[in-house]
Amino acid sequence: YGNAARFMNASCSPNLKPSRFSEARSDPSCSTPRVIFHALRDIFPNEELTWRYNAGELVVPTSRERTTGAESRLNSRLGRRRGDRVEKDDPELRHVCVCGAKGCDGFL
C-alpha cells in the first residue's frame, strides 16, 4: 500500500523536494492532489532518496482534499477546521528525527 514515497526516508539534509501538483488543471473531474519530487542536486546511483518532512507551512486539508480518519480525529480534537494554517512546530506534529545528517535539528 502507499506510493513511491514509502521507499524514501526523512532527512534534515535531503536530496529531494516535494511539490504539490493537482491534475484538476488539465482534468477538472480529477481533484485529488498529487506529490511530485524534484532533485535538489545530482543524485548518485544507489544513493538513498531523502526528503524533509514538514519542510514548509502545514495546512489542514480543505473539504475537497481527502484525509485519513486519524488525521480528521486529530484535527477535530485540536479544534482545527479545514483550511486552517498549522505551525510546523506544533508539538502534536513533531517526532524525533534520527536521520544522522550533519545539520539535523532533532525533529521531523
N, C-alpha and C. Protein backbone atom coordinates (compact mmCIF):
# COMPACT_ATOMS: atom_id res chain seq x y z
N TYR A 1 0.84 -1.19 0.00
CA TYR A 1 0.00 0.00 0.00
C TYR A 1 0.87 1.24 0.00
N GLY A 2 0.31 2.37 -0.35
CA GLY A 2 1.07 3.61 -0.38
C GLY A 2 1.57 3.89 -1.78
N ASN A 3 2.55 4.76 -1.86
CA ASN A 3 3.12 5.11 -3.15
C ASN A 3 4.64 5.07 -3.06
N ALA A 4 5.32 5.59 -4.06
CA ALA A 4 6.78 5.51 -4.12
C ALA A 4 7.46 6.20 -2.94
N ALA A 5 6.80 7.16 -2.31
CA ALA A 5 7.41 7.88 -1.17
C ALA A 5 7.69 6.95 0.00
N ARG A 6 7.04 5.79 0.05
CA ARG A 6 7.30 4.87 1.16
C ARG A 6 8.71 4.29 1.07
N PHE A 7 9.37 4.42 -0.08
CA PHE A 7 10.74 3.94 -0.24
C PHE A 7 11.77 5.04 0.01
N MET A 8 11.31 6.22 0.43
CA MET A 8 12.19 7.35 0.72
C MET A 8 12.22 7.57 2.22
N ASN A 9 13.30 8.14 2.70
CA ASN A 9 13.44 8.39 4.13
C ASN A 9 13.52 9.89 4.40
N ALA A 10 13.28 10.24 5.64
CA ALA A 10 13.38 11.64 6.08
C ALA A 10 14.83 12.00 6.29
N SER A 11 15.15 13.26 6.03
CA SER A 11 16.49 13.77 6.29
C SER A 11 16.43 15.28 6.47
N CYS A 12 17.27 15.79 7.36
CA CYS A 12 17.39 17.24 7.52
C CYS A 12 18.30 17.83 6.44
N SER A 13 18.92 16.95 5.64
CA SER A 13 19.74 17.35 4.50
C SER A 13 19.30 16.52 3.29
N PRO A 14 18.09 16.77 2.79
CA PRO A 14 17.52 15.91 1.75
C PRO A 14 18.10 16.14 0.36
N ASN A 15 17.88 15.16 -0.52
CA ASN A 15 18.28 15.32 -1.92
C ASN A 15 17.06 15.50 -2.83
N LEU A 16 15.86 15.45 -2.25
CA LEU A 16 14.61 15.66 -2.99
C LEU A 16 13.74 16.70 -2.30
N LYS A 17 12.92 17.37 -3.09
CA LYS A 17 11.97 18.34 -2.54
C LYS A 17 10.59 18.02 -3.12
N PRO A 18 9.58 17.86 -2.26
CA PRO A 18 8.23 17.60 -2.77
C PRO A 18 7.54 18.89 -3.23
N SER A 19 6.74 18.76 -4.26
CA SER A 19 5.90 19.86 -4.74
C SER A 19 4.50 19.32 -4.95
N ARG A 20 3.53 20.14 -4.69
CA ARG A 20 2.14 19.74 -4.86
C ARG A 20 1.73 19.95 -6.32
N PHE A 21 1.02 18.99 -6.86
CA PHE A 21 0.53 19.05 -8.23
C PHE A 21 -0.92 18.61 -8.25
N SER A 22 -1.76 19.37 -8.90
CA SER A 22 -3.17 19.00 -9.00
C SER A 22 -3.52 18.76 -10.45
N GLU A 23 -4.07 17.60 -10.73
CA GLU A 23 -4.48 17.27 -12.09
C GLU A 23 -5.73 18.03 -12.49
N ALA A 24 -6.34 18.73 -11.55
CA ALA A 24 -7.56 19.47 -11.85
C ALA A 24 -7.32 20.54 -12.92
N ARG A 25 -6.07 20.99 -13.05
CA ARG A 25 -5.76 21.99 -14.07
C ARG A 25 -6.02 21.44 -15.47
N SER A 26 -5.65 20.19 -15.69
CA SER A 26 -5.82 19.59 -17.01
C SER A 26 -7.11 18.77 -17.12
N ASP A 27 -7.61 18.30 -15.99
CA ASP A 27 -8.82 17.48 -15.97
C ASP A 27 -9.66 17.87 -14.77
N PRO A 28 -10.65 18.75 -14.95
CA PRO A 28 -11.46 19.25 -13.83
C PRO A 28 -12.16 18.16 -13.02
N SER A 29 -12.37 16.98 -13.60
CA SER A 29 -13.04 15.91 -12.86
C SER A 29 -12.12 15.23 -11.85
N CYS A 30 -10.82 15.52 -11.93
CA CYS A 30 -9.83 14.90 -11.03
C CYS A 30 -9.32 15.96 -10.06
N SER A 31 -9.80 15.95 -8.83
CA SER A 31 -9.40 16.99 -7.87
C SER A 31 -8.43 16.47 -6.81
N THR A 32 -8.00 15.21 -6.93
CA THR A 32 -7.09 14.65 -5.95
C THR A 32 -5.69 15.24 -6.15
N PRO A 33 -5.12 15.91 -5.14
CA PRO A 33 -3.77 16.46 -5.30
C PRO A 33 -2.73 15.34 -5.33
N ARG A 34 -1.65 15.58 -6.03
CA ARG A 34 -0.55 14.62 -6.15
C ARG A 34 0.73 15.29 -5.65
N VAL A 35 1.74 14.48 -5.39
CA VAL A 35 3.04 14.99 -4.98
C VAL A 35 4.06 14.60 -6.04
N ILE A 36 4.88 15.57 -6.43
CA ILE A 36 5.98 15.33 -7.36
C ILE A 36 7.26 15.65 -6.61
N PHE A 37 8.27 14.80 -6.74
CA PHE A 37 9.56 15.04 -6.08
C PHE A 37 10.57 15.54 -7.11
N HIS A 38 11.26 16.63 -6.77
CA HIS A 38 12.29 17.22 -7.63
C HIS A 38 13.65 17.05 -6.95
N ALA A 39 14.66 16.72 -7.74
CA ALA A 39 16.01 16.58 -7.19
C ALA A 39 16.56 17.96 -6.82
N LEU A 40 17.14 18.07 -5.64
CA LEU A 40 17.77 19.32 -5.19
C LEU A 40 19.22 19.41 -5.65
N ARG A 41 19.76 18.27 -6.05
CA ARG A 41 21.14 18.18 -6.52
C ARG A 41 21.27 16.88 -7.30
N ASP A 42 22.43 16.64 -7.90
CA ASP A 42 22.65 15.36 -8.58
C ASP A 42 22.59 14.24 -7.54
N ILE A 43 21.91 13.16 -7.89
CA ILE A 43 21.78 12.01 -7.00
C ILE A 43 22.55 10.85 -7.62
N PHE A 44 23.44 10.27 -6.85
CA PHE A 44 24.30 9.20 -7.34
C PHE A 44 23.57 7.87 -7.40
N PRO A 45 24.01 6.97 -8.30
CA PRO A 45 23.40 5.63 -8.34
C PRO A 45 23.49 4.97 -6.96
N ASN A 46 22.43 4.32 -6.56
CA ASN A 46 22.32 3.61 -5.27
C ASN A 46 22.31 4.53 -4.05
N GLU A 47 22.26 5.85 -4.25
CA GLU A 47 22.17 6.77 -3.11
C GLU A 47 20.74 6.75 -2.57
N GLU A 48 20.60 6.80 -1.27
CA GLU A 48 19.29 6.83 -0.63
C GLU A 48 18.52 8.09 -1.06
N LEU A 49 17.24 7.93 -1.35
CA LEU A 49 16.39 9.07 -1.68
C LEU A 49 15.80 9.61 -0.38
N THR A 50 15.98 10.91 -0.15
CA THR A 50 15.51 11.51 1.10
C THR A 50 14.78 12.82 0.84
N TRP A 51 13.87 13.14 1.75
CA TRP A 51 13.16 14.40 1.68
C TRP A 51 12.86 14.89 3.08
N ARG A 52 12.60 16.18 3.20
CA ARG A 52 12.39 16.81 4.50
C ARG A 52 10.91 16.81 4.82
N TYR A 53 10.52 16.03 5.83
CA TYR A 53 9.12 16.03 6.27
C TYR A 53 8.80 17.39 6.87
N ASN A 54 7.60 17.85 6.70
CA ASN A 54 7.13 19.12 7.29
C ASN A 54 8.06 20.28 7.00
N ALA A 55 8.56 20.35 5.77
CA ALA A 55 9.53 21.39 5.43
C ALA A 55 8.90 22.76 5.26
N GLY A 56 7.64 22.81 4.94
CA GLY A 56 7.01 24.10 4.70
C GLY A 56 5.84 24.33 5.63
N GLU A 57 5.02 25.25 5.22
CA GLU A 57 3.83 25.57 6.01
C GLU A 57 2.84 24.42 5.91
N LEU A 58 2.27 24.05 7.02
CA LEU A 58 1.29 22.98 7.04
C LEU A 58 -0.10 23.57 7.03
N VAL A 59 -0.98 22.94 6.29
CA VAL A 59 -2.36 23.41 6.19
C VAL A 59 -3.28 22.22 6.40
N VAL A 60 -4.30 22.38 7.23
CA VAL A 60 -5.30 21.33 7.39
C VAL A 60 -6.00 21.21 6.03
N PRO A 61 -6.14 19.99 5.50
CA PRO A 61 -6.74 19.83 4.17
C PRO A 61 -8.11 20.47 4.06
N THR A 62 -8.42 20.97 2.86
CA THR A 62 -9.73 21.55 2.61
C THR A 62 -10.74 20.44 2.41
N SER A 63 -12.00 20.79 2.33
CA SER A 63 -13.04 19.77 2.19
C SER A 63 -12.92 18.99 0.90
N ARG A 64 -12.24 19.54 -0.11
CA ARG A 64 -12.08 18.83 -1.38
C ARG A 64 -10.94 17.82 -1.32
N GLU A 65 -10.09 17.92 -0.33
CA GLU A 65 -8.95 17.01 -0.20
C GLU A 65 -9.28 15.89 0.76
N ARG A 66 -8.76 14.73 0.48
CA ARG A 66 -9.03 13.56 1.32
C ARG A 66 -8.10 13.54 2.53
N THR A 67 -8.62 13.04 3.63
CA THR A 67 -7.80 12.84 4.83
C THR A 67 -8.10 11.46 5.38
N THR A 68 -7.18 10.95 6.18
CA THR A 68 -7.44 9.68 6.84
C THR A 68 -8.32 9.94 8.05
N GLY A 69 -8.94 8.91 8.59
CA GLY A 69 -9.75 9.06 9.79
C GLY A 69 -8.93 9.58 10.95
N ALA A 70 -7.67 9.11 11.07
CA ALA A 70 -6.79 9.55 12.16
C ALA A 70 -6.50 11.04 12.04
N GLU A 71 -6.24 11.53 10.82
CA GLU A 71 -5.98 12.95 10.63
C GLU A 71 -7.21 13.78 11.00
N SER A 72 -8.37 13.32 10.57
CA SER A 72 -9.61 14.04 10.87
C SER A 72 -9.86 14.11 12.37
N ARG A 73 -9.64 12.98 13.07
CA ARG A 73 -9.86 12.96 14.53
C ARG A 73 -8.87 13.87 15.24
N LEU A 74 -7.59 13.87 14.82
CA LEU A 74 -6.59 14.73 15.45
C LEU A 74 -6.97 16.20 15.24
N ASN A 75 -7.30 16.57 14.01
CA ASN A 75 -7.68 17.95 13.73
C ASN A 75 -8.90 18.37 14.53
N SER A 76 -9.87 17.49 14.65
CA SER A 76 -11.07 17.78 15.43
C SER A 76 -10.73 17.97 16.91
N ARG A 77 -9.90 17.07 17.45
CA ARG A 77 -9.51 17.14 18.86
C ARG A 77 -8.77 18.44 19.16
N LEU A 78 -7.98 18.92 18.20
CA LEU A 78 -7.20 20.15 18.39
C LEU A 78 -7.98 21.40 18.00
N GLY A 79 -9.24 21.22 17.59
CA GLY A 79 -10.07 22.37 17.24
C GLY A 79 -9.72 22.99 15.90
N ARG A 80 -9.07 22.23 15.03
CA ARG A 80 -8.71 22.75 13.71
C ARG A 80 -9.86 22.52 12.74
N ARG A 81 -10.05 23.50 11.86
CA ARG A 81 -11.05 23.34 10.81
C ARG A 81 -10.35 23.26 9.47
N ARG A 82 -11.03 22.71 8.49
CA ARG A 82 -10.44 22.54 7.17
C ARG A 82 -9.94 23.87 6.62
N GLY A 83 -8.73 23.86 6.07
CA GLY A 83 -8.12 25.06 5.51
C GLY A 83 -7.33 25.89 6.50
N ASP A 84 -7.39 25.57 7.82
CA ASP A 84 -6.62 26.31 8.82
C ASP A 84 -5.13 26.11 8.60
N ARG A 85 -4.35 27.14 8.86
CA ARG A 85 -2.89 27.02 8.81
C ARG A 85 -2.42 26.47 10.15
N VAL A 86 -1.37 25.63 10.10
CA VAL A 86 -0.86 24.96 11.30
C VAL A 86 0.63 25.26 11.41
N GLU A 87 1.08 25.62 12.59
CA GLU A 87 2.51 25.85 12.81
C GLU A 87 3.25 24.53 12.74
N LYS A 88 4.36 24.49 11.99
CA LYS A 88 5.08 23.22 11.88
C LYS A 88 5.77 22.84 13.18
N ASP A 89 5.89 23.78 14.13
CA ASP A 89 6.49 23.46 15.43
C ASP A 89 5.44 23.00 16.44
N ASP A 90 4.22 22.81 15.98
CA ASP A 90 3.14 22.31 16.84
C ASP A 90 3.59 20.99 17.47
N PRO A 91 3.61 20.88 18.82
CA PRO A 91 4.09 19.65 19.48
C PRO A 91 3.36 18.39 19.02
N GLU A 92 2.09 18.53 18.61
CA GLU A 92 1.33 17.37 18.16
C GLU A 92 1.89 16.81 16.85
N LEU A 93 2.64 17.62 16.10
CA LEU A 93 3.14 17.20 14.80
C LEU A 93 4.60 16.80 14.82
N ARG A 94 5.29 17.04 15.92
CA ARG A 94 6.74 16.79 15.96
C ARG A 94 7.06 15.37 16.39
N HIS A 95 8.02 14.81 15.71
CA HIS A 95 8.53 13.48 16.03
C HIS A 95 10.05 13.56 16.03
N VAL A 96 10.71 12.74 16.82
CA VAL A 96 12.17 12.75 16.90
C VAL A 96 12.75 12.31 15.56
N CYS A 97 13.75 13.04 15.08
CA CYS A 97 14.44 12.72 13.84
C CYS A 97 15.75 12.00 14.16
N VAL A 98 16.01 10.94 13.45
CA VAL A 98 17.26 10.19 13.64
C VAL A 98 17.98 10.04 12.31
N CYS A 99 17.90 11.07 11.45
CA CYS A 99 18.46 10.97 10.10
C CYS A 99 19.99 10.91 10.09
N GLY A 100 20.63 11.51 11.09
CA GLY A 100 22.08 11.48 11.15
C GLY A 100 22.77 12.52 10.30
N ALA A 101 22.02 13.42 9.67
CA ALA A 101 22.62 14.48 8.85
C ALA A 101 23.40 15.43 9.75
N LYS A 102 24.43 16.04 9.18
CA LYS A 102 25.29 16.95 9.95
C LYS A 102 24.49 18.08 10.60
N GLY A 103 23.51 18.64 9.90
CA GLY A 103 22.72 19.75 10.43
C GLY A 103 21.37 19.33 10.97
N CYS A 104 21.24 18.08 11.42
CA CYS A 104 19.95 17.58 11.91
C CYS A 104 19.45 18.44 13.07
N ASP A 105 18.18 18.87 12.98
CA ASP A 105 17.63 19.69 14.06
C ASP A 105 16.93 18.86 15.13
N GLY A 106 16.91 17.53 14.97
CA GLY A 106 16.39 16.65 16.00
C GLY A 106 14.91 16.31 15.91
N PHE A 107 14.19 17.00 15.01
CA PHE A 107 12.75 16.74 14.86
C PHE A 107 12.36 16.68 13.40
N LEU A 108 11.35 15.88 13.11
CA LEU A 108 10.81 15.83 11.74
C LEU A 108 9.89 17.01 11.55
